[in-house]
N, C-alpha and C. Protein backbone atom coordinates (compact mmCIF):
# COMPACT_ATOMS: atom_id res chain seq x y z
N MET A 1 -30.50 39.99 31.42
CA MET A 1 -31.06 39.91 32.58
C MET A 1 -31.59 41.33 33.31
N GLU A 2 -30.65 42.27 32.89
CA GLU A 2 -30.93 43.60 33.47
C GLU A 2 -32.15 44.38 32.90
N TRP A 3 -32.52 43.88 31.59
CA TRP A 3 -33.44 44.32 30.98
C TRP A 3 -35.00 44.12 31.58
N ILE A 4 -34.86 42.78 32.20
CA ILE A 4 -36.10 42.53 32.83
C ILE A 4 -36.45 43.24 34.12
N LEU A 5 -35.40 43.51 34.98
CA LEU A 5 -35.54 44.22 35.98
C LEU A 5 -36.01 45.81 35.53
N GLN A 6 -35.44 46.32 34.58
CA GLN A 6 -35.78 47.76 34.34
C GLN A 6 -37.02 47.72 33.58
N THR A 7 -37.60 46.63 32.86
CA THR A 7 -38.89 46.70 32.51
C THR A 7 -40.04 46.54 33.56
N LEU A 8 -39.52 45.72 34.71
CA LEU A 8 -40.58 45.50 35.85
C LEU A 8 -40.64 46.86 36.65
N MET A 9 -39.25 47.66 36.88
CA MET A 9 -39.56 48.82 37.51
C MET A 9 -40.10 49.98 36.71
N MET A 10 -40.20 50.02 35.41
CA MET A 10 -40.75 50.74 34.58
C MET A 10 -42.28 50.68 34.75
N LEU A 11 -42.64 49.27 34.88
CA LEU A 11 -44.14 49.07 34.85
C LEU A 11 -44.69 49.36 36.23
N GLY A 12 -43.86 49.15 37.28
CA GLY A 12 -43.90 49.57 38.61
C GLY A 12 -44.12 51.07 38.89
N ALA A 13 -43.54 51.89 38.08
CA ALA A 13 -43.46 53.34 38.24
C ALA A 13 -44.78 53.75 37.69
N LYS A 14 -45.11 53.29 36.59
CA LYS A 14 -46.42 53.70 35.97
C LYS A 14 -47.59 53.38 36.81
N ALA A 15 -47.65 52.22 37.40
CA ALA A 15 -48.58 51.64 38.47
C ALA A 15 -48.46 52.45 39.67
N ALA A 16 -47.41 52.76 40.16
CA ALA A 16 -47.25 53.50 41.39
C ALA A 16 -47.81 55.07 41.19
N SER A 17 -47.44 55.59 40.00
CA SER A 17 -48.01 56.84 39.83
C SER A 17 -49.46 57.36 39.75
N ILE A 18 -50.09 56.13 39.59
CA ILE A 18 -51.52 56.21 39.97
C ILE A 18 -52.00 56.32 41.15
N PHE A 19 -51.28 55.77 42.12
CA PHE A 19 -51.68 55.82 43.59
C PHE A 19 -50.96 56.85 44.24
N ILE A 20 -49.81 57.22 43.77
CA ILE A 20 -49.05 58.19 44.98
C ILE A 20 -48.31 59.10 43.89
N SER A 21 -47.96 60.12 44.36
CA SER A 21 -47.26 61.46 43.46
C SER A 21 -45.61 60.75 43.30
N PRO A 22 -45.27 60.98 42.08
CA PRO A 22 -43.72 60.75 42.15
C PRO A 22 -42.95 61.50 43.00
N ALA A 23 -43.19 62.64 43.32
CA ALA A 23 -42.55 63.58 44.31
C ALA A 23 -42.51 63.00 45.64
N SER A 24 -43.31 62.06 46.02
CA SER A 24 -43.42 61.47 47.44
C SER A 24 -42.12 60.77 47.80
N PRO A 25 -41.72 61.07 49.27
CA PRO A 25 -40.48 60.44 49.47
C PRO A 25 -40.44 58.77 49.49
N ASN A 26 -41.58 58.22 49.62
CA ASN A 26 -41.56 56.79 49.52
C ASN A 26 -42.04 56.29 48.28
N PHE A 27 -41.92 57.14 47.26
CA PHE A 27 -42.52 56.50 45.84
C PHE A 27 -41.53 55.40 45.37
N GLU A 28 -40.19 55.30 45.76
CA GLU A 28 -39.51 53.97 45.44
C GLU A 28 -40.06 52.84 46.00
N VAL A 29 -40.47 52.90 47.29
CA VAL A 29 -41.01 51.78 48.00
C VAL A 29 -42.17 51.16 47.08
N VAL A 30 -43.28 52.09 46.98
CA VAL A 30 -44.26 51.71 46.26
C VAL A 30 -44.11 51.38 44.85
N GLN A 31 -43.24 51.84 44.27
CA GLN A 31 -42.70 51.46 42.92
C GLN A 31 -42.15 50.15 42.97
N GLY A 32 -41.48 49.56 44.00
CA GLY A 32 -40.96 48.21 44.27
C GLY A 32 -42.06 47.34 44.45
N MET A 33 -43.01 47.71 45.22
CA MET A 33 -44.05 46.87 45.58
C MET A 33 -44.94 46.51 44.26
N MET A 34 -45.03 47.58 43.46
CA MET A 34 -45.85 47.38 41.96
C MET A 34 -45.19 46.62 41.12
N ALA A 35 -43.66 46.62 41.20
CA ALA A 35 -42.96 45.83 40.18
C ALA A 35 -43.13 44.36 40.76
N ILE A 36 -43.16 44.12 42.11
CA ILE A 36 -43.36 42.81 42.44
C ILE A 36 -44.71 42.10 42.07
N LEU A 37 -45.76 42.91 42.24
CA LEU A 37 -47.03 42.67 41.77
C LEU A 37 -47.05 42.34 40.20
N ALA A 38 -46.34 42.97 39.48
CA ALA A 38 -46.37 42.66 37.89
C ALA A 38 -45.64 41.52 37.71
N LEU A 39 -44.46 41.52 38.50
CA LEU A 39 -43.71 39.79 38.29
C LEU A 39 -44.61 38.78 38.62
N VAL A 40 -45.48 38.80 39.74
CA VAL A 40 -46.34 37.90 40.00
C VAL A 40 -47.46 37.66 39.19
N GLY A 41 -47.93 38.63 38.57
CA GLY A 41 -49.13 38.74 37.68
C GLY A 41 -48.47 38.01 36.33
N LEU A 42 -47.41 38.39 35.84
CA LEU A 42 -46.87 37.77 34.64
C LEU A 42 -46.53 36.29 34.79
N VAL A 43 -46.12 35.73 36.14
CA VAL A 43 -45.81 34.43 36.32
C VAL A 43 -47.12 33.71 36.22
N LEU A 44 -48.22 34.37 37.00
CA LEU A 44 -49.61 33.70 36.90
C LEU A 44 -50.06 33.64 35.41
N LEU A 45 -50.01 34.61 34.77
CA LEU A 45 -50.44 34.61 33.24
C LEU A 45 -49.54 33.45 32.49
N VAL A 46 -48.42 33.33 32.75
CA VAL A 46 -47.78 32.28 32.00
C VAL A 46 -47.94 30.97 32.35
N THR A 47 -48.28 30.94 33.73
CA THR A 47 -48.69 29.79 34.36
C THR A 47 -50.19 29.09 33.67
N PHE A 48 -51.06 30.11 33.66
CA PHE A 48 -52.48 29.71 33.37
C PHE A 48 -52.40 29.35 31.85
N ALA A 49 -51.56 30.14 31.07
CA ALA A 49 -51.63 30.08 29.60
C ALA A 49 -51.10 28.82 29.31
N PHE A 50 -50.15 28.10 29.92
CA PHE A 50 -49.52 26.84 29.29
C PHE A 50 -49.94 25.63 30.23
N ARG A 51 -50.91 25.84 31.10
CA ARG A 51 -51.57 24.70 31.72
C ARG A 51 -52.23 23.70 30.86
N LYS A 52 -52.24 22.33 31.35
CA LYS A 52 -52.85 21.39 30.48
C LYS A 52 -54.22 21.14 31.12
N LYS A 53 -55.04 21.04 30.28
CA LYS A 53 -56.60 21.21 30.65
C LYS A 53 -57.03 19.67 30.58
């Protein structure tokens, strides 16, 4: 279960580094927000992939 969180935080860090410098004091906050957005996007992708038409 820990690998899921690590993967999401890694994706969040990559996405956050596009918008804000990693040396910024609030980088962790932006990283967490991006990780949540990645999780929501993953859930939506799975939902739309397996819906019945």
